[in-house]
Amino acid sequence: MMLSILLVSQLIAFAFGYHGVDVSQRFYSSSFSCLVKSGYTFTVVRVYKSSGQPDSNGPLTISDAWAGGMSHVDGYIFPCYSCGNPAKQVTTIK
């Protein structure tokens, strides 16, 4: 599944000329500034872990992505299937 997502994102990047990163750890604005200078324009940040907990680094990393000059910033979740109630998992993200 992850390989499929990676391949599709690479095809989209090739087709439209966009370059971006998927971030699942804490990134700072200086790192995003460096990426922007290298031609990257978007990032997708993990905001919910597969362990069933919100990723506390997500909101900070999203703020730093904007501050670092990224044009487009989004978040993604890794749902916890055994935790149940997927709607609650989405609404716990802040």
PDB file of N, CA and C in Angstrom:
ATOM      1  N   MET A   1       0.821  -1.190   0.000  1.00  0.00           N
ATOM      2  CA  MET A   1       0.000   0.000   0.000  1.00  0.00           C
ATOM      3  C   MET A   1       0.871   1.261   0.000  1.00  0.00           C
ATOM      4  N   MET A   2       1.833   1.305   0.913  1.00  0.00           N
ATOM      5  CA  MET A   2       2.685   2.492   1.005  1.00  0.00           C
ATOM      6  C   MET A   2       3.474   2.688  -0.284  1.00  0.00           C
ATOM      7  N   LEU A   3       3.934   1.582  -0.869  1.00  0.00           N
ATOM      8  CA  LEU A   3       4.670   1.671  -2.130  1.00  0.00           C
ATOM      9  C   LEU A   3       3.782   2.243  -3.222  1.00  0.00           C
ATOM     10  N   SER A   4       2.517   1.841  -3.230  1.00  0.00           N
ATOM     11  CA  SER A   4       1.582   2.369  -4.227  1.00  0.00           C
ATOM     12  C   SER A   4       1.401   3.868  -4.076  1.00  0.00           C
ATOM     13  N   ILE A   5       1.266   4.326  -2.822  1.00  0.00           N
ATOM     14  CA  ILE A   5       1.107   5.758  -2.571  1.00  0.00           C
ATOM     15  C   ILE A   5       2.350   6.511  -3.023  1.00  0.00           C
ATOM     16  N   LEU A   6       3.509   5.957  -2.716  1.00  0.00           N
ATOM     17  CA  LEU A   6       4.757   6.592  -3.117  1.00  0.00           C
ATOM     18  C   LEU A   6       4.859   6.691  -4.635  1.00  0.00           C
ATOM     19  N   LEU A   7       4.518   5.613  -5.326  1.00  0.00           N
ATOM     20  CA  LEU A   7       4.599   5.620  -6.786  1.00  0.00           C
ATOM     21  C   LEU A   7       3.624   6.625  -7.402  1.00  0.00           C
ATOM     22  N   VAL A   8       2.410   6.667  -6.874  1.00  0.00           N
ATOM     23  CA  VAL A   8       1.421   7.609  -7.395  1.00  0.00           C
ATOM     24  C   VAL A   8       1.895   9.040  -7.160  1.00  0.00           C
ATOM     25  N   SER A   9       2.426   9.321  -5.951  1.00  0.00           N
ATOM     26  CA  SER A   9       2.890  10.684  -5.686  1.00  0.00           C
ATOM     27  C   SER A   9       4.055  11.057  -6.594  1.00  0.00           C
ATOM     28  N   GLN A  10       4.909  10.102  -6.907  1.00  0.00           N
ATOM     29  CA  GLN A  10       6.019  10.375  -7.812  1.00  0.00           C
ATOM     30  C   GLN A  10       5.521  10.641  -9.230  1.00  0.00           C
ATOM     31  N   LEU A  11       4.511   9.900  -9.657  1.00  0.00           N
ATOM     32  CA  LEU A  11       3.940  10.131 -10.983  1.00  0.00           C
ATOM     33  C   LEU A  11       3.282  11.505 -11.072  1.00  0.00           C
ATOM     34  N   ILE A  12       2.576  11.890 -10.018  1.00  0.00           N
ATOM     35  CA  ILE A  12       1.959  13.214  -9.994  1.00  0.00           C
ATOM     36  C   ILE A  12       3.040  14.287 -10.045  1.00  0.00           C
ATOM     37  N   ALA A  13       4.078  14.105  -9.249  1.00  0.00           N
ATOM     38  CA  ALA A  13       5.172  15.078  -9.248  1.00  0.00           C
ATOM     39  C   ALA A  13       5.804  15.179 -10.625  1.00  0.00           C
ATOM     40  N   PHE A  14       5.992  14.049 -11.290  1.00  0.00           N
ATOM     41  CA  PHE A  14       6.585  14.052 -12.625  1.00  0.00           C
ATOM     42  C   PHE A  14       5.666  14.747 -13.616  1.00  0.00           C
ATOM     43  N   ALA A  15       4.368  14.451 -13.524  1.00  0.00           N
ATOM     44  CA  ALA A  15       3.416  15.007 -14.485  1.00  0.00           C
ATOM     45  C   ALA A  15       3.263  16.518 -14.330  1.00  0.00           C
ATOM     46  N   PHE A  16       3.281  17.015 -13.115  1.00  0.00           N
ATOM     47  CA  PHE A  16       3.023  18.426 -12.880  1.00  0.00           C
ATOM     48  C   PHE A  16       4.256  19.224 -12.477  1.00  0.00           C
ATOM     49  N   GLY A  17       5.361  18.565 -12.256  1.00  0.00           N
ATOM     50  CA  GLY A  17       6.590  19.251 -11.914  1.00  0.00           C
ATOM     51  C   GLY A  17       6.671  19.727 -10.485  1.00  0.00           C
ATOM     52  N   TYR A  18       5.862  19.146  -9.594  1.00  0.00           N
ATOM     53  CA  TYR A  18       5.902  19.524  -8.187  1.00  0.00           C
ATOM     54  C   TYR A  18       6.828  18.580  -7.424  1.00  0.00           C
ATOM     55  N   HIS A  19       7.491  19.116  -6.429  1.00  0.00           N
ATOM     56  CA  HIS A  19       8.339  18.304  -5.572  1.00  0.00           C
ATOM     57  C   HIS A  19       7.937  18.548  -4.123  1.00  0.00           C
ATOM     58  N   GLY A  20       7.769  17.461  -3.374  1.00  0.00           N
ATOM     59  CA  GLY A  20       7.361  17.601  -1.985  1.00  0.00           C
ATOM     60  C   GLY A  20       7.898  16.472  -1.135  1.00  0.00           C
ATOM     61  N   VAL A  21       7.608  16.565   0.155  1.00  0.00           N
ATOM     62  CA  VAL A  21       8.082  15.571   1.106  1.00  0.00           C
ATOM     63  C   VAL A  21       6.950  15.124   2.015  1.00  0.00           C
ATOM     64  N   ASP A  22       7.078  13.905   2.498  1.00  0.00           N
ATOM     65  CA  ASP A  22       6.201  13.308   3.490  1.00  0.00           C
ATOM     66  C   ASP A  22       6.996  13.287   4.789  1.00  0.00           C
ATOM     67  N   VAL A  23       6.473  13.915   5.833  1.00  0.00           N
ATOM     68  CA  VAL A  23       7.222  14.057   7.080  1.00  0.00           C
ATOM     69  C   VAL A  23       6.499  13.321   8.207  1.00  0.00           C
ATOM     70  N   SER A  24       7.207  12.423   8.871  1.00  0.00           N
ATOM     71  CA  SER A  24       6.621  11.703  10.002  1.00  0.00           C
ATOM     72  C   SER A  24       7.411  11.933  11.290  1.00  0.00           C
ATOM     73  N   GLN A  25       8.337  12.867  11.267  1.00  0.00           N
ATOM     74  CA  GLN A  25       9.103  13.245  12.454  1.00  0.00           C
ATOM     75  C   GLN A  25       9.128  14.764  12.542  1.00  0.00           C
ATOM     76  N   ARG A  26       9.613  15.270  13.645  1.00  0.00           N
ATOM     77  CA  ARG A  26       9.669  16.721  13.848  1.00  0.00           C
ATOM     78  C   ARG A  26      10.634  17.359  12.849  1.00  0.00           C
ATOM     79  N   PHE A  27      10.137  18.341  12.114  1.00  0.00           N
ATOM     80  CA  PHE A  27      10.926  19.144  11.182  1.00  0.00           C
ATOM     81  C   PHE A  27      10.783  20.597  11.603  1.00  0.00           C
ATOM     82  N   TYR A  28      11.811  21.369  11.405  1.00  0.00           N
ATOM     83  CA  TYR A  28      11.809  22.773  11.811  1.00  0.00           C
ATOM     84  C   TYR A  28      11.784  23.685  10.583  1.00  0.00           C
ATOM     85  N   SER A  29      11.444  24.949  10.801  1.00  0.00           N
ATOM     86  CA  SER A  29      11.315  25.896   9.693  1.00  0.00           C
ATOM     87  C   SER A  29      12.611  26.026   8.906  1.00  0.00           C
ATOM     88  N   SER A  30      13.760  25.929   9.560  1.00  0.00           N
ATOM     89  CA  SER A  30      15.039  26.032   8.845  1.00  0.00           C
ATOM     90  C   SER A  30      15.210  24.878   7.854  1.00  0.00           C
ATOM     91  N   SER A  31      14.732  23.694   8.232  1.00  0.00           N
ATOM     92  CA  SER A  31      14.805  22.549   7.317  1.00  0.00           C
ATOM     93  C   SER A  31      13.878  22.754   6.126  1.00  0.00           C
ATOM     94  N   PHE A  32      12.678  23.276   6.399  1.00  0.00           N
ATOM     95  CA  PHE A  32      11.747  23.545   5.305  1.00  0.00           C
ATOM     96  C   PHE A  32      12.277  24.651   4.394  1.00  0.00           C
ATOM     97  N   SER A  33      12.909  25.657   4.954  1.00  0.00           N
ATOM     98  CA  SER A  33      13.506  26.727   4.134  1.00  0.00           C
ATOM     99  C   SER A  33      14.546  26.160   3.184  1.00  0.00           C
ATOM    100  N   CYS A  34      15.339  25.237   3.689  1.00  0.00           N
ATOM    101  CA  CYS A  34      16.347  24.586   2.853  1.00  0.00           C
ATOM    102  C   CYS A  34      15.690  23.803   1.718  1.00  0.00           C
ATOM    103  N   LEU A  35      14.613  23.086   2.037  1.00  0.00           N
ATOM    104  CA  LEU A  35      13.897  22.334   1.003  1.00  0.00           C
ATOM    105  C   LEU A  35      13.303  23.274  -0.048  1.00  0.00           C
ATOM    106  N   VAL A  36      12.733  24.391   0.394  1.00  0.00           N
ATOM    107  CA  VAL A  36      12.144  25.365  -0.540  1.00  0.00           C
ATOM    108  C   VAL A  36      13.223  25.903  -1.476  1.00  0.00           C
ATOM    109  N   LYS A  37      14.389  26.196  -0.935  1.00  0.00           N
ATOM    110  CA  LYS A  37      15.505  26.686  -1.773  1.00  0.00           C
ATOM    111  C   LYS A  37      15.946  25.643  -2.788  1.00  0.00           C
ATOM    112  N   SER A  38      15.669  24.360  -2.486  1.00  0.00           N
ATOM    113  CA  SER A  38      16.033  23.270  -3.394  1.00  0.00           C
ATOM    114  C   SER A  38      14.901  22.923  -4.356  1.00  0.00           C
ATOM    115  N   GLY A  39      13.814  23.695  -4.335  1.00  0.00           N
ATOM    116  CA  GLY A  39      12.742  23.505  -5.305  1.00  0.00           C
ATOM    117  C   GLY A  39      11.528  22.741  -4.804  1.00  0.00           C
ATOM    118  N   TYR A  40      11.489  22.389  -3.523  1.00  0.00           N
ATOM    119  CA  TYR A  40      10.327  21.692  -2.979  1.00  0.00           C
ATOM    120  C   TYR A  40       9.244  22.707  -2.654  1.00  0.00           C
ATOM    121  N   THR A  41       7.978  22.338  -2.928  1.00  0.00           N
ATOM    122  CA  THR A  41       6.894  23.290  -2.735  1.00  0.00           C
ATOM    123  C   THR A  41       5.811  22.806  -1.781  1.00  0.00           C
ATOM    124  N   PHE A  42       5.791  21.514  -1.439  1.00  0.00           N
ATOM    125  CA  PHE A  42       4.731  21.036  -0.553  1.00  0.00           C
ATOM    126  C   PHE A  42       5.242  19.971   0.400  1.00  0.00           C
ATOM    127  N   THR A  43       4.486  19.825   1.489  1.00  0.00           N
ATOM    128  CA  THR A  43       4.767  18.763   2.442  1.00  0.00           C
ATOM    129  C   THR A  43       3.459  18.203   2.969  1.00  0.00           C
ATOM    130  N   VAL A  44       3.502  16.942   3.338  1.00  0.00           N
ATOM    131  CA  VAL A  44       2.385  16.271   3.981  1.00  0.00           C
ATOM    132  C   VAL A  44       2.927  15.721   5.298  1.00  0.00           C
ATOM    133  N   VAL A  45       2.306  16.124   6.396  1.00  0.00           N
ATOM    134  CA  VAL A  45       2.819  15.834   7.733  1.00  0.00           C
ATOM    135  C   VAL A  45       1.916  14.810   8.436  1.00  0.00           C
ATOM    136  N   ARG A  46       2.537  13.827   9.086  1.00  0.00           N
ATOM    137  CA  ARG A  46       1.754  12.857   9.864  1.00  0.00           C
ATOM    138  C   ARG A  46       1.199  13.549  11.099  1.00  0.00           C
ATOM    139  N   VAL A  47      -0.121  13.414  11.314  1.00  0.00           N
ATOM    140  CA  VAL A  47      -0.746  14.014  12.471  1.00  0.00           C
ATOM    141  C   VAL A  47      -1.405  12.986  13.401  1.00  0.00           C
ATOM    142  N   TYR A  48      -1.431  11.710  12.995  1.00  0.00           N
ATOM    143  CA  TYR A  48      -2.009  10.654  13.823  1.00  0.00           C
ATOM    144  C   TYR A  48      -1.229   9.376  13.576  1.00  0.00           C
ATOM    145  N   LYS A  49      -0.819   8.722  14.654  1.00  0.00           N
ATOM    146  CA  LYS A  49       0.014   7.518  14.568  1.00  0.00           C
ATOM    147  C   LYS A  49      -0.830   6.251  14.517  1.00  0.00           C
ATOM    148  N   SER A  50      -0.276   5.210  13.944  1.00  0.00           N
ATOM    149  CA  SER A  50      -0.967   3.923  13.863  1.00  0.00           C
ATOM    150  C   SER A  50      -1.134   3.280  15.235  1.00  0.00           C
ATOM    151  N   SER A  51      -0.476   3.812  16.250  1.00  0.00           N
ATOM    152  CA  SER A  51      -0.625   3.311  17.617  1.00  0.00           C
ATOM    153  C   SER A  51      -1.919   3.806  18.264  1.00  0.00           C
ATOM    154  N   GLY A  52      -2.639   4.676  17.580  1.00  0.00           N
ATOM    155  CA  GLY A  52      -3.905   5.169  18.094  1.00  0.00           C
ATOM    156  C   GLY A  52      -3.800   6.484  18.836  1.00  0.00           C
ATOM    157  N   GLN A  53      -2.721   7.210  18.640  1.00  0.00           N
ATOM    158  CA  GLN A  53      -2.509   8.475  19.331  1.00  0.00           C
ATOM    159  C   GLN A  53      -2.211   9.600  18.331  1.00  0.00           C
ATOM    160  N   PRO A  54      -2.693  10.801  18.632  1.00  0.00           N
ATOM    161  CA  PRO A  54      -2.284  11.935  17.796  1.00  0.00           C
ATOM    162  C   PRO A  54      -0.768  12.113  17.871  1.00  0.00           C
ATOM    163  N   ASP A  55      -0.180  12.541  16.787  1.00  0.00           N
ATOM    164  CA  ASP A  55       1.260  12.813  16.757  1.00  0.00           C
ATOM    165  C   ASP A  55       1.473  14.233  17.259  1.00  0.00           C
ATOM    166  N   SER A  56       2.074  14.370  18.435  1.00  0.00           N
ATOM    167  CA  SER A  56       2.249  15.693  19.034  1.00  0.00           C
ATOM    168  C   SER A  56       3.179  16.589  18.220  1.00  0.00           C
ATOM    169  N   ASN A  57       3.993  16.000  17.360  1.00  0.00           N
ATOM    170  CA  ASN A  57       4.873  16.791  16.502  1.00  0.00           C
ATOM    171  C   ASN A  57       4.145  17.369  15.289  1.00  0.00           C
ATOM    172  N   GLY A  58       2.995  16.814  14.949  1.00  0.00           N
ATOM    173  CA  GLY A  58       2.275  17.227  13.750  1.00  0.00           C
ATOM    174  C   GLY A  58       1.959  18.708  13.682  1.00  0.00           C
ATOM    175  N   PRO A  59       1.250  19.266  14.682  1.00  0.00           N
ATOM    176  CA  PRO A  59       0.898  20.693  14.604  1.00  0.00           C
ATOM    177  C   PRO A  59       2.115  21.612  14.552  1.00  0.00           C
ATOM    178  N   LEU A  60       3.151  21.290  15.316  1.00  0.00           N
ATOM    179  CA  LEU A  60       4.361  22.119  15.309  1.00  0.00           C
ATOM    180  C   LEU A  60       5.059  22.060  13.957  1.00  0.00           C
ATOM    181  N   THR A  61       5.118  20.871  13.387  1.00  0.00           N
ATOM    182  CA  THR A  61       5.768  20.692  12.091  1.00  0.00           C
ATOM    183  C   THR A  61       4.978  21.398  10.991  1.00  0.00           C
ATOM    184  N   ILE A  62       3.656  21.351  11.071  1.00  0.00           N
ATOM    185  CA  ILE A  62       2.827  22.059  10.087  1.00  0.00           C
ATOM    186  C   ILE A  62       3.086  23.566  10.165  1.00  0.00           C
ATOM    187  N   SER A  63       3.127  24.106  11.366  1.00  0.00           N
ATOM    188  CA  SER A  63       3.417  25.541  11.532  1.00  0.00           C
ATOM    189  C   SER A  63       4.784  25.900  10.973  1.00  0.00           C
ATOM    190  N   ASP A  64       5.768  25.043  11.234  1.00  0.00           N
ATOM    191  CA  ASP A  64       7.115  25.311  10.734  1.00  0.00           C
ATOM    192  C   ASP A  64       7.202  25.156   9.222  1.00  0.00           C
ATOM    193  N   ALA A  65       6.379  24.283   8.645  1.00  0.00           N
ATOM    194  CA  ALA A  65       6.373  24.150   7.183  1.00  0.00           C
ATOM    195  C   ALA A  65       5.900  25.451   6.537  1.00  0.00           C
ATOM    196  N   TRP A  66       4.831  26.028   7.093  1.00  0.00           N
ATOM    197  CA  TRP A  66       4.352  27.315   6.572  1.00  0.00           C
ATOM    198  C   TRP A  66       5.410  28.390   6.780  1.00  0.00           C
ATOM    199  N   ALA A  67       5.989  28.426   7.993  1.00  0.00           N
ATOM    200  CA  ALA A  67       7.002  29.449   8.299  1.00  0.00           C
ATOM    201  C   ALA A  67       8.243  29.293   7.435  1.00  0.00           C
ATOM    202  N   GLY A  68       8.537  28.071   7.024  1.00  0.00           N
ATOM    203  CA  GLY A  68       9.706  27.812   6.194  1.00  0.00           C
ATOM    204  C   GLY A  68       9.488  28.096   4.721  1.00  0.00           C
ATOM    205  N   GLY A  69       8.253  28.463   4.350  1.00  0.00           N
ATOM    206  CA  GLY A  69       7.995  28.866   2.976  1.00  0.00           C
ATOM    207  C   GLY A  69       7.328  27.845   2.082  1.00  0.00           C
ATOM    208  N   MET A  70       6.853  26.733   2.624  1.00  0.00           N
ATOM    209  CA  MET A  70       6.151  25.756   1.793  1.00  0.00           C
ATOM    210  C   MET A  70       4.863  26.374   1.250  1.00  0.00           C
ATOM    211  N   SER A  71       4.565  26.122  -0.014  1.00  0.00           N
ATOM    212  CA  SER A  71       3.365  26.673  -0.643  1.00  0.00           C
ATOM    213  C   SER A  71       2.102  25.920  -0.266  1.00  0.00           C
ATOM    214  N   HIS A  72       2.238  24.616  -0.039  1.00  0.00           N
ATOM    215  CA  HIS A  72       1.096  23.759   0.270  1.00  0.00           C
ATOM    216  C   HIS A  72       1.482  22.820   1.402  1.00  0.00           C
ATOM    217  N   VAL A  73       0.634  22.751   2.417  1.00  0.00           N
ATOM    218  CA  VAL A  73       0.903  21.913   3.582  1.00  0.00           C
ATOM    219  C   VAL A  73      -0.373  21.156   3.935  1.00  0.00           C
ATOM    220  N   ASP A  74      -0.265  19.857   4.096  1.00  0.00           N
ATOM    221  CA  ASP A  74      -1.393  19.012   4.487  1.00  0.00           C
ATOM    222  C   ASP A  74      -0.955  18.062   5.580  1.00  0.00           C
ATOM    223  N   GLY A  75      -1.930  17.412   6.204  1.00  0.00           N
ATOM    224  CA  GLY A  75      -1.651  16.399   7.207  1.00  0.00           C
ATOM    225  C   GLY A  75      -2.271  15.074   6.795  1.00  0.00           C
ATOM    226  N   TYR A  76      -1.751  13.992   7.336  1.00  0.00           N
ATOM    227  CA  TYR A  76      -2.329  12.673   7.076  1.00  0.00           C
ATOM    228  C   TYR A  76      -2.352  11.869   8.363  1.00  0.00           C
ATOM    229  N   ILE A  77      -3.258  10.888   8.397  1.00  0.00           N
ATOM    230  CA  ILE A  77      -3.350  10.015   9.555  1.00  0.00           C
ATOM    231  C   ILE A  77      -3.018   8.588   9.154  1.00  0.00           C
ATOM    232  N   PHE A  78      -2.461   7.857  10.106  1.00  0.00           N
ATOM    233  CA  PHE A  78      -2.350   6.408  10.021  1.00  0.00           C
ATOM    234  C   PHE A  78      -3.405   5.881  10.979  1.00  0.00           C
ATOM    235  N   PRO A  79      -4.562   5.445  10.485  1.00  0.00           N
ATOM    236  CA  PRO A  79      -5.610   5.005  11.399  1.00  0.00           C
ATOM    237  C   PRO A  79      -5.197   3.743  12.164  1.00  0.00           C
ATOM    238  N   CYS A  80      -5.738   3.612  13.370  1.00  0.00           N
ATOM    239  CA  CYS A  80      -5.511   2.432  14.209  1.00  0.00           C
ATOM    240  C   CYS A  80      -6.754   1.555  14.073  1.00  0.00           C
ATOM    241  N   TYR A  81      -6.675   0.508  13.283  1.00  0.00           N
ATOM    242  CA  TYR A  81      -7.840  -0.328  13.016  1.00  0.00           C
ATOM    243  C   TYR A  81      -8.346  -1.030  14.269  1.00  0.00           C
ATOM    244  N   SER A  82      -7.449  -1.473  15.135  1.00  0.00           N
ATOM    245  CA  SER A  82      -7.863  -2.186  16.342  1.00  0.00           C
ATOM    246  C   SER A  82      -8.412  -1.247  17.411  1.00  0.00           C
ATOM    247  N   CYS A  83      -8.222   0.054  17.252  1.00  0.00           N
ATOM    248  CA  CYS A  83      -8.715   1.023  18.243  1.00  0.00           C
ATOM    249  C   CYS A  83     -10.193   1.331  18.061  1.00  0.00           C
ATOM    250  N   GLY A  84     -10.750   1.004  16.900  1.00  0.00           N
ATOM    251  CA  GLY A  84     -12.155   1.267  16.630  1.00  0.00           C
ATOM    252  C   GLY A  84     -12.446   2.739  16.401  1.00  0.00           C
ATOM    253  N   ASN A  85     -13.702   3.047  16.173  1.00  0.00           N
ATOM    254  CA  ASN A  85     -14.234   4.387  15.988  1.00  0.00           C
ATOM    255  C   ASN A  85     -13.326   5.306  15.172  1.00  0.00           C
ATOM    256  N   PRO A  86     -13.269   5.095  13.854  1.00  0.00           N
ATOM    257  CA  PRO A  86     -12.402   5.923  13.014  1.00  0.00           C
ATOM    258  C   PRO A  86     -12.782   7.411  13.036  1.00  0.00           C
ATOM    259  N   ALA A  87     -14.048   7.721  13.181  1.00  0.00           N
ATOM    260  CA  ALA A  87     -14.459   9.132  13.221  1.00  0.00           C
ATOM    261  C   ALA A  87     -13.849   9.828  14.432  1.00  0.00           C
ATOM    262  N   LYS A  88     -13.804   9.142  15.565  1.00  0.00           N
ATOM    263  CA  LYS A  88     -13.205   9.734  16.762  1.00  0.00           C
ATOM    264  C   LYS A  88     -11.715   9.953  16.575  1.00  0.00           C
ATOM    265  N   GLN A  89     -11.064   9.032  15.873  1.00  0.00           N
ATOM    266  CA  GLN A  89      -9.622   9.192  15.620  1.00  0.00           C
ATOM    267  C   GLN A  89      -9.366  10.478  14.835  1.00  0.00           C
ATOM    268  N   VAL A  90     -10.207  10.752  13.870  1.00  0.00           N
ATOM    269  CA  VAL A  90     -10.029  11.951  13.048  1.00  0.00           C
ATOM    270  C   VAL A  90     -10.311  13.209  13.866  1.00  0.00           C
ATOM    271  N   THR A  91     -11.339  13.176  14.707  1.00  0.00           N
ATOM    272  CA  THR A  91     -11.716  14.378  15.455  1.00  0.00           C
ATOM    273  C   THR A  91     -10.764  14.668  16.623  1.00  0.00           C
ATOM    274  N   THR A  92      -9.932  13.712  17.026  1.00  0.00           N
ATOM    275  CA  THR A  92      -8.998  13.979  18.127  1.00  0.00           C
ATOM    276  C   THR A  92      -7.765  14.740  17.663  1.00  0.00           C
ATOM    277  N   ILE A  93      -7.625  14.911  16.374  1.00  0.00           N
ATOM    278  CA  ILE A  93      -6.461  15.642  15.840  1.00  0.00           C
ATOM    279  C   ILE A  93      -6.709  17.132  16.017  1.00  0.00           C
ATOM    280  N   LYS A  94      -5.712  17.811  16.575  1.00  0.00           N
ATOM    281  CA  LYS A  94      -5.845  19.258  16.808  1.00  0.00           C
ATOM    282  C   LYS A  94      -4.765  20.001  16.100  1.00  0.00           C
TER     283      LYS A  94
END
